[in-house]
Each structure stands twice: as C-alpha cells, then as structure tokens.
C-alpha atoms as a PDB file:
ATOM      1  CA  MET A   1      -0.192  -0.094   0.000  1.00  0.00           C
ATOM      2  CA  LYS A   2       1.229   3.117  -1.071  1.00  0.00           C
ATOM      3  CA  ILE A   3       1.330   5.977   1.962  1.00  0.00           C
ATOM      4  CA  PHE A   4       0.779   9.674   0.915  1.00  0.00           C
ATOM      5  CA  LEU A   5       1.069  12.546   3.579  1.00  0.00           C
ATOM      6  CA  ASP A   6      -2.456  14.520   4.037  1.00  0.00           C
ATOM      7  CA  THR A   7      -0.866  17.978   4.744  1.00  0.00           C
ATOM      8  CA  ALA A   8       0.176  21.006   2.818  1.00  0.00           C
ATOM      9  CA  ASN A   9       2.722  21.860   5.879  1.00  0.00           C
ATOM     10  CA  ILE A  10       6.245  21.831   3.541  1.00  0.00           C
ATOM     11  CA  ASP A  11       8.234  21.447   6.780  1.00  0.00           C
ATOM     12  CA  HIS A  12       6.419  18.174   7.830  1.00  0.00           C
ATOM     13  CA  ILE A  13       6.619  16.826   3.977  1.00  0.00           C
ATOM     14  CA  ARG A  14      10.251  17.675   3.734  1.00  0.00           C
ATOM     15  CA  GLU A  15      10.601  15.401   7.145  1.00  0.00           C
ATOM     16  CA  VAL A  16       8.836  12.583   6.080  1.00  0.00           C
ATOM     17  CA  ALA A  17      10.039  12.495   2.553  1.00  0.00           C
ATOM     18  CA  ALA A  18      13.591  12.033   4.215  1.00  0.00           C
ATOM     19  CA  TRP A  19      12.448   8.559   5.834  1.00  0.00           C
ATOM     20  CA  GLY A  20      12.325   7.431   2.257  1.00  0.00           C
ATOM     21  CA  LEU A  21       8.796   6.054   2.368  1.00  0.00           C
ATOM     22  CA  LEU A  22       6.459   9.166   1.037  1.00  0.00           C
ATOM     23  CA  ASP A  23       5.002   8.040  -2.006  1.00  0.00           C
ATOM     24  CA  GLY A  24       2.787  11.370  -2.486  1.00  0.00           C
ATOM     25  CA  VAL A  25       0.665  14.017  -0.920  1.00  0.00           C
ATOM     26  CA  THR A  26      -2.844  15.007  -0.956  1.00  0.00           C
ATOM     27  CA  THR A  27      -4.155  18.733  -0.042  1.00  0.00           C
ATOM     28  CA  ASN A  28      -7.583  20.235   0.214  1.00  0.00           C
ATOM     29  CA  PRO A  29      -8.847  23.699   0.741  1.00  0.00           C
ATOM     30  CA  SER A  30      -8.697  23.469   4.711  1.00  0.00           C
ATOM     31  CA  LEU A  31      -5.087  22.189   4.564  1.00  0.00           C
ATOM     32  CA  VAL A  32      -3.820  24.814   2.360  1.00  0.00           C
ATOM     33  CA  ALA A  33      -5.578  27.593   4.397  1.00  0.00           C
ATOM     34  CA  ARG A  34      -4.245  26.542   7.596  1.00  0.00           C
ATOM     35  CA  GLU A  35      -0.719  26.763   6.057  1.00  0.00           C
ATOM     36  CA  GLY A  36      -1.409  30.240   4.762  1.00  0.00           C
ATOM     37  CA  GLY A  37       1.008  31.290   1.544  1.00  0.00           C
ATOM     38  CA  ASP A  38       0.744  31.306  -2.212  1.00  0.00           C
ATOM     39  CA  PHE A  39      -1.403  27.883  -3.351  1.00  0.00           C
ATOM     40  CA  ILE A  40       0.433  27.561  -6.738  1.00  0.00           C
ATOM     41  CA  GLU A  41       3.697  28.046  -5.160  1.00  0.00           C
ATOM     42  CA  MET A  42       3.059  25.672  -2.425  1.00  0.00           C
ATOM     43  CA  ILE A  43       1.608  22.874  -4.849  1.00  0.00           C
ATOM     44  CA  HIS A  44       4.902  23.142  -7.114  1.00  0.00           C
ATOM     45  CA  THR A  45       7.166  23.043  -4.189  1.00  0.00           C
ATOM     46  CA  ILE A  46       5.477  19.855  -3.035  1.00  0.00           C
ATOM     47  CA  CYS A  47       5.971  18.462  -6.201  1.00  0.00           C
ATOM     48  CA  GLU A  48       9.396  19.059  -6.151  1.00  0.00           C
ATOM     49  CA  ILE A  49      10.167  17.706  -2.971  1.00  0.00           C
ATOM     50  CA  VAL A  50       8.005  14.307  -3.565  1.00  0.00           C
ATOM     51  CA  GLU A  51       8.215  13.740  -7.198  1.00  0.00           C
ATOM     52  CA  GLY A  52       5.122  11.635  -6.704  1.00  0.00           C
ATOM     53  CA  ASP A  53       1.334  12.195  -7.046  1.00  0.00           C
ATOM     54  CA  VAL A  54       0.272  15.556  -5.482  1.00  0.00           C
ATOM     55  CA  SER A  55      -3.531  16.415  -5.235  1.00  0.00           C
ATOM     56  CA  ALA A  56      -4.499  19.804  -5.619  1.00  0.00           C
ATOM     57  CA  GLU A  57      -8.445  20.399  -5.294  1.00  0.00           C
ATOM     58  CA  VAL A  58     -10.400  22.464  -7.779  1.00  0.00           C
ATOM     59  CA  ILE A  59     -13.076  25.397  -5.960  1.00  0.00           C
ATOM     60  CA  ALA A  60     -15.376  25.486  -8.717  1.00  0.00           C
ATOM     61  CA  GLN A  61     -18.668  23.872  -8.432  1.00  0.00           C
ATOM     62  CA  ASP A  62     -19.680  23.465 -11.804  1.00  0.00           C
ATOM     63  CA  THR A  63     -18.617  21.575 -14.450  1.00  0.00           C
ATOM     64  CA  ALA A  64     -16.998  23.767 -16.662  1.00  0.00           C
ATOM     65  CA  GLY A  65     -15.429  25.546 -13.771  1.00  0.00           C
ATOM     66  CA  MET A  66     -14.020  22.373 -12.765  1.00  0.00           C
ATOM     67  CA  VAL A  67     -12.594  21.643 -15.827  1.00  0.00           C
ATOM     68  CA  ARG A  68     -11.088  25.145 -16.687  1.00  0.00           C
ATOM     69  CA  GLU A  69      -9.249  25.087 -12.848  1.00  0.00           C
ATOM     70  CA  GLY A  70      -8.310  21.188 -13.534  1.00  0.00           C
ATOM     71  CA  ARG A  71      -6.552  21.983 -16.761  1.00  0.00           C
ATOM     72  CA  LEU A  72      -4.767  25.066 -15.169  1.00  0.00           C
ATOM     73  CA  LEU A  73      -3.756  23.199 -12.112  1.00  0.00           C
ATOM     74  CA  ALA A  74      -2.492  20.174 -14.140  1.00  0.00           C
ATOM     75  CA  ARG A  75      -0.142  22.317 -15.762  1.00  0.00           C
ATOM     76  CA  ILE A  76       1.884  23.103 -12.659  1.00  0.00           C
ATOM     77  CA  SER A  77       3.619  19.563 -12.517  1.00  0.00           C
ATOM     78  CA  GLU A  78       3.209  16.505 -14.162  1.00  0.00           C
ATOM     79  CA  HIS A  79       2.760  15.316 -10.612  1.00  0.00           C
ATOM     80  CA  VAL A  80      -0.298  17.532 -10.032  1.00  0.00           C
ATOM     81  CA  VAL A  81      -3.583  15.294  -9.547  1.00  0.00           C
ATOM     82  CA  VAL A  82      -6.619  17.318  -9.919  1.00  0.00           C
ATOM     83  CA  LYS A  83      -8.859  16.719  -6.727  1.00  0.00           C
ATOM     84  CA  ILE A  84     -12.861  16.996  -7.570  1.00  0.00           C
ATOM     85  CA  PRO A  85     -15.705  16.535  -5.250  1.00  0.00           C
ATOM     86  CA  LEU A  86     -17.972  13.616  -5.803  1.00  0.00           C
ATOM     87  CA  THR A  87     -21.053  15.372  -7.134  1.00  0.00           C
ATOM     88  CA  GLU A  88     -23.090  15.252 -10.421  1.00  0.00           C
ATOM     89  CA  ALA A  89     -20.880  18.221 -11.768  1.00  0.00           C
ATOM     90  CA  GLY A  90     -17.452  16.654 -10.560  1.00  0.00           C
ATOM     91  CA  LEU A  91     -18.078  13.270 -12.282  1.00  0.00           C
ATOM     92  CA  ALA A  92     -18.604  15.228 -15.465  1.00  0.00           C
ATOM     93  CA  ALA A  93     -15.519  17.211 -15.153  1.00  0.00           C
ATOM     94  CA  CYS A  94     -13.903  13.996 -14.113  1.00  0.00           C
ATOM     95  CA  ASN A  95     -14.901  12.565 -17.163  1.00  0.00           C
ATOM     96  CA  VAL A  96     -13.718  15.314 -19.444  1.00  0.00           C
ATOM     97  CA  LEU A  97     -10.248  16.030 -17.669  1.00  0.00           C
ATOM     98  CA  SER A  98      -9.894  12.139 -17.542  1.00  0.00           C
ATOM     99  CA  THR A  99     -10.361  11.442 -21.305  1.00  0.00           C
ATOM    100  CA  GLU A 100      -7.754  14.207 -21.891  1.00  0.00           C
ATOM    101  CA  GLY A 101      -5.111  12.502 -19.717  1.00  0.00           C
ATOM    102  CA  ILE A 102      -5.220  14.205 -16.721  1.00  0.00           C
ATOM    103  CA  LYS A 103      -5.377  12.418 -13.535  1.00  0.00           C
ATOM    104  CA  VAL A 104      -8.092  13.086 -11.095  1.00  0.00           C
ATOM    105  CA  ASN A 105      -8.561  12.016  -7.730  1.00  0.00           C
ATOM    106  CA  VAL A 106     -12.322  11.925  -6.458  1.00  0.00           C
ATOM    107  CA  THR A 107     -13.129  12.820  -3.262  1.00  0.00           C
ATOM    108  CA  LEU A 108     -15.611  12.882  -0.521  1.00  0.00           C
ATOM    109  CA  ALA A 109     -17.009   9.298  -1.302  1.00  0.00           C
ATOM    110  CA  PHE A 110     -18.905   7.754   1.358  1.00  0.00           C
ATOM    111  CA  GLN A 111     -20.704   4.935   0.089  1.00  0.00           C
ATOM    112  CA  PRO A 112     -19.557   2.143  -2.864  1.00  0.00           C
ATOM    113  CA  VAL A 113     -21.907   3.110  -5.580  1.00  0.00           C
ATOM    114  CA  GLN A 114     -20.437   6.564  -5.467  1.00  0.00           C
ATOM    115  CA  ALA A 115     -16.824   5.097  -5.902  1.00  0.00           C
ATOM    116  CA  LEU A 116     -18.451   2.899  -8.831  1.00  0.00           C
ATOM    117  CA  LEU A 117     -19.632   6.018 -10.812  1.00  0.00           C
ATOM    118  CA  ALA A 118     -16.135   7.735 -10.103  1.00  0.00           C
ATOM    119  CA  ALA A 119     -14.267   4.558 -11.671  1.00  0.00           C
ATOM    120  CA  LYS A 120     -16.848   4.646 -14.586  1.00  0.00           C
ATOM    121  CA  VAL A 121     -16.013   8.174 -15.550  1.00  0.00           C
ATOM    122  CA  GLY A 122     -12.097   7.454 -15.482  1.00  0.00           C
ATOM    123  CA  ALA A 123     -10.933   8.620 -11.951  1.00  0.00           C
ATOM    124  CA  THR A 124      -7.538   7.901 -11.080  1.00  0.00           C
ATOM    125  CA  TYR A 125      -8.361   7.485  -7.543  1.00  0.00           C
ATOM    126  CA  ILE A 126     -11.251   7.507  -5.190  1.00  0.00           C
ATOM    127  CA  SER A 127     -10.871   8.882  -1.905  1.00  0.00           C
ATOM    128  CA  PRO A 128     -13.591   7.294   0.985  1.00  0.00           C
ATOM    129  CA  PHE A 129     -13.441   9.175   4.276  1.00  0.00           C
ATOM    130  CA  VAL A 130     -12.994   6.099   6.913  1.00  0.00           C
ATOM    131  CA  GLY A 131     -12.998   8.060   9.790  1.00  0.00           C
ATOM    132  CA  ARG A 132     -15.981  10.153   8.892  1.00  0.00           C
ATOM    133  CA  VAL A 133     -18.066   6.964   7.972  1.00  0.00           C
ATOM    134  CA  ASP A 134     -16.946   5.569  11.282  1.00  0.00           C
ATOM    135  CA  ASP A 135     -18.443   8.691  12.937  1.00  0.00           C
ATOM    136  CA  ILE A 136     -21.906   7.890  11.698  1.00  0.00           C
ATOM    137  CA  SER A 137     -21.686   4.496  13.111  1.00  0.00           C
ATOM    138  CA  TRP A 138     -20.756   2.770  10.154  1.00  0.00           C
ATOM    139  CA  ASN A 139     -17.530   0.901   9.345  1.00  0.00           C
ATOM    140  CA  GLY A 140     -14.940   2.555   7.347  1.00  0.00           C
ATOM    141  CA  SER A 141     -12.817  -0.656   6.740  1.00  0.00           C
ATOM    142  CA  GLU A 142     -16.059  -2.137   5.405  1.00  0.00           C
ATOM    143  CA  LEU A 143     -16.367   0.371   2.941  1.00  0.00           C
ATOM    144  CA  ILE A 144     -12.745   0.074   1.840  1.00  0.00           C
ATOM    145  CA  SER A 145     -13.664  -3.410   1.262  1.00  0.00           C
ATOM    146  CA  GLN A 146     -16.547  -3.431  -0.527  1.00  0.00           C
ATOM    147  CA  ILE A 147     -15.058  -0.375  -3.131  1.00  0.00           C
ATOM    148  CA  VAL A 148     -12.050  -3.024  -3.676  1.00  0.00           C
ATOM    149  CA  ALA A 149     -14.062  -5.989  -4.247  1.00  0.00           C
ATOM    150  CA  ILE A 150     -16.318  -3.887  -6.778  1.00  0.00           C
ATOM    151  CA  TYR A 151     -13.425  -2.819  -8.548  1.00  0.00           C
ATOM    152  CA  ASP A 152     -11.666  -6.499  -8.535  1.00  0.00           C
ATOM    153  CA  ASN A 153     -15.028  -7.677 -10.423  1.00  0.00           C
ATOM    154  CA  ASP A 154     -14.821  -5.592 -13.489  1.00  0.00           C
ATOM    155  CA  PRO A 155     -11.142  -5.766 -15.301  1.00  0.00           C
ATOM    156  CA  ASP A 156     -11.677  -2.259 -16.836  1.00  0.00           C
ATOM    157  CA  ILE A 157     -11.547  -0.368 -13.678  1.00  0.00           C
ATOM    158  CA  HIS A 158      -8.253   0.495 -12.827  1.00  0.00           C
ATOM    159  CA  THR A 159      -8.887   3.363 -10.214  1.00  0.00           C
ATOM    160  CA  GLN A 160      -6.995   3.169  -7.031  1.00  0.00           C
ATOM    161  CA  VAL A 161      -8.473   3.242  -3.613  1.00  0.00           C
ATOM    162  CA  LEU A 162      -7.212   6.106  -1.707  1.00  0.00           C
ATOM    163  CA  ALA A 163      -8.482   5.773   1.978  1.00  0.00           C
ATOM    164  CA  ALA A 164      -8.711   9.315   3.364  1.00  0.00           C
ATOM    165  CA  SER A 165      -9.976  10.523   6.752  1.00  0.00           C
ATOM    166  CA  ILE A 166      -7.478   8.564   8.915  1.00  0.00           C
ATOM    167  CA  ARG A 167      -7.367   9.380  12.359  1.00  0.00           C
ATOM    168  CA  HIS A 168      -5.514   7.087  14.201  1.00  0.00           C
ATOM    169  CA  PRO A 169      -2.527   4.113  13.458  1.00  0.00           C
ATOM    170  CA  LEU A 170      -5.656   1.522  13.257  1.00  0.00           C
ATOM    171  CA  HIS A 171      -7.252   2.927  10.488  1.00  0.00           C
ATOM    172  CA  ILE A 172      -3.726   2.543   8.412  1.00  0.00           C
ATOM    173  CA  VAL A 173      -3.811  -1.146   9.051  1.00  0.00           C
ATOM    174  CA  GLU A 174      -7.451  -1.491   8.572  1.00  0.00           C
ATOM    175  CA  ALA A 175      -6.893   0.070   5.337  1.00  0.00           C
ATOM    176  CA  ALA A 176      -3.955  -2.091   4.384  1.00  0.00           C
ATOM    177  CA  LEU A 177      -5.868  -5.535   5.348  1.00  0.00           C
ATOM    178  CA  ALA A 178      -8.960  -3.953   3.324  1.00  0.00           C
ATOM    179  CA  GLY A 179      -6.924  -3.635   0.434  1.00  0.00           C
ATOM    180  CA  ALA A 180      -6.463  -0.309  -0.196  1.00  0.00           C
ATOM    181  CA  HIS A 181      -3.953   0.916  -2.701  1.00  0.00           C
ATOM    182  CA  VAL A 182      -3.233   3.942  -0.924  1.00  0.00           C
ATOM    183  CA  ALA A 183      -3.644   5.730   2.486  1.00  0.00           C
ATOM    184  CA  THR A 184      -3.192   9.371   2.983  1.00  0.00           C
ATOM    185  CA  ILE A 185      -2.340  10.004   6.530  1.00  0.00           C
ATOM    186  CA  PRO A 186      -2.060  13.041   8.687  1.00  0.00           C
ATOM    187  CA  TYR A 187       1.414  13.998   9.855  1.00  0.00           C
ATOM    188  CA  GLY A 188       0.836  13.528  13.639  1.00  0.00           C
ATOM    189  CA  VAL A 189      -0.831  10.163  12.949  1.00  0.00           C
ATOM    190  CA  LEU A 190       1.966   8.951  10.584  1.00  0.00           C
ATOM    191  CA  LYS A 191       4.314  10.081  13.392  1.00  0.00           C
ATOM    192  CA  ARG A 192       2.312   8.038  15.981  1.00  0.00           C
ATOM    193  CA  SER A 193       2.630   5.122  13.862  1.00  0.00           C
ATOM    194  CA  VAL A 194       6.365   5.203  14.141  1.00  0.00           C
ATOM    195  CA  GLY A 195       6.799   4.846  17.517  1.00  0.00           C
ATOM    196  CA  HIS A 196       5.494   2.085  20.660  1.00  0.00           C
ATOM    197  CA  PRO A 197       6.320   1.967  24.294  1.00  0.00           C
ATOM    198  CA  LEU A 198       8.129  -1.293  24.157  1.00  0.00           C
ATOM    199  CA  THR A 199      10.415  -0.108  21.090  1.00  0.00           C
ATOM    200  CA  ASP A 200      11.518   2.779  23.063  1.00  0.00           C
ATOM    201  CA  SER A 201      12.176   0.775  26.236  1.00  0.00           C
ATOM    202  CA  GLY A 202      13.989  -1.919  24.356  1.00  0.00           C
ATOM    203  CA  ASN A 203      16.227   0.941  22.510  1.00  0.00           C
ATOM    204  CA  THR A 204      16.957   2.237  25.954  1.00  0.00           C
ATOM    205  CA  ARG A 205      17.778  -1.039  27.181  1.00  0.00           C
ATOM    206  CA  PHE A 206      20.319  -1.962  24.405  1.00  0.00           C
ATOM    207  CA  LEU A 207      21.983   1.513  25.101  1.00  0.00           C
ATOM    208  CA  ALA A 208      22.552   1.042  28.604  1.00  0.00           C
ATOM    209  CA  ASP A 209      24.107  -2.552  28.032  1.00  0.00           C
ATOM    210  CA  TRP A 210      26.238  -1.125  25.225  1.00  0.00           C
ATOM    211  CA  ALA A 211      27.546   1.729  27.563  1.00  0.00           C
ATOM    212  CA  LYS A 212      29.047  -0.936  29.624  1.00  0.00           C
ATOM    213  CA  VAL A 213      31.361  -1.943  26.673  1.00  0.00           C
ATOM    214  CA  PRO A 214      34.989  -0.514  27.305  1.00  0.00           C
ATOM    215  CA  ASP A 215      35.357   1.260  23.885  1.00  0.00           C
ATOM    216  CA  THR A 216      31.719   2.707  22.593  1.00  0.00           C
ATOM    217  CA  ASP A 217      32.724   4.567  19.496  1.00  0.00           C
ATOM    218  CA  ILE A 218      31.843   2.064  16.718  1.00  0.00           C
ATOM    219  CA  VAL A 219      32.758   4.533  13.983  1.00  0.00           C
ATOM    220  CA  ALA A 220      36.534   5.003  15.566  1.00  0.00           C
ATOM    221  CA  GLN A 221      36.434   1.018  16.257  1.00  0.00           C
ATOM    222  CA  VAL A 222      35.480   0.371  12.388  1.00  0.00           C
ATOM    223  CA  GLU A 223      37.890   2.780  11.130  1.00  0.00           C
ATOM    224  CA  ARG A 224      40.740   1.261  13.309  1.00  0.00           C
ATOM    225  CA  TRP A 225      39.829  -2.098  11.633  1.00  0.00           C
ATOM    226  CA  LEU A 226      39.876  -1.131   8.379  1.00  0.00           C
ATOM    227  CA  ALA A 227      43.302   0.348   8.831  1.00  0.00           C
ATOM    228  CA  ARG A 228      45.159  -2.393   9.851  1.00  0.00           C
ATOM    229  CA  ASP A 229      47.633  -3.539   7.755  1.00  0.00           C
ATOM    230  CA  ARG A 230      46.319  -7.135   6.652  1.00  0.00           C
END
C-alpha cells in the first residue's frame, strides 16, 4: 500500500520524504488555508519534494469551472492530480479531464456506489473517508473492502482506492488489510505510527548495555579495523 501525507505543511513533507517512504501528498482547501502562503507555489514546491502524485483541489462547483481549473492546475507539474468532489458536476468534469489524460482524485466518497460511478468516468483515485464513516456508526474499513471488491470484479476499472480521513494508526492497518491501494495520513498520525512503548524501552535497554562496553565508539573501532595492515 502506498503512503501519502495529508498536509500542505512543507516542513512536515520534507521530514517524512527524508524517511524514504513517502509516495505522494494530498491537500485540500482547509489544509492550504491553515498553512497560508501562495497556493500555486505551495503545490509546485510539494511536487518538487515528493516527485509523486500530489492532489490539488478545484474550487469551482460547476463542470465547466472544474474543467478549466483542473486543466490549469495540471500545468503546474506532471505530478499534480486534480482533486474533484463527488458530485454530478464533479463526475462530468472527471470524465472530461480523464479523457484528456489528466489524473483525477475524486474525493468525499461515503458509499460504494459512488466509488463505482467515479471509476466509470475514469478517476485515477477514489477517496473514501473512513474516519467520517466511522463517525456515523458505520464501518470505514468495510467501505474500503466493498469498493475494492467491486473494482476487482471489473477488469476495465483501474481506479485506485485511496483511504482518506485517517484518524489513528489502526485506520492505516485496517485500510491495508481491506486492500486499499493508498492511505493518505495526517502528519501526527504517521508520527504516532512509528513509535511504540516497547520499542522505546527496548532501545533504552540496549543503549544502557552498550555503555558497559570498554570502547563505545563504533565509528572509531571500524576505522581502526579498516586501517589495519593485513
């Protein structure tokens, strides 16, 4: 499963990209507004850092406006994926843009039939919101499973399932087990996914034991060993 970061914070993106596991980034108007600054420059910078798919969302709510904005956003970088809401106008815009070879992320999906319709109009990604589905007492991971099953039944569908609205590390595990192709994860959730109390305590114990070794400088030891005349 690919890992995307759900943020518009450049510092966070640089940090996670340095880990070597970042496949892409998703943004939305709320995330962009939170960071401030120039939207277009922000998207361009993110594309240069990640060199993977970066979702940039249209603001227009009519088909013609979405298509116009989508075409322009796609010109920022080859990595831009145009993000469009799952509405009637959005489906029509996705059909136009995808026919032109522009990648589209259809967002705000909450039921399997919506995902089927998005796939039929050529969406590159469908973004079901697992956390918000859980909020209304349905099962977000079950939504992912159903969409994946529907897509698997049709060899003509190539849309990838992008699990969004990830609230905690368990959502990441559930999305992976349900067959999601991608999970887009907030920075704080991804950071929490790295750590574990037993990892921390085990590392502390190892370091305490190593401190008892006569020469604790590994670099110096290896350099002396390499310099020996054999």
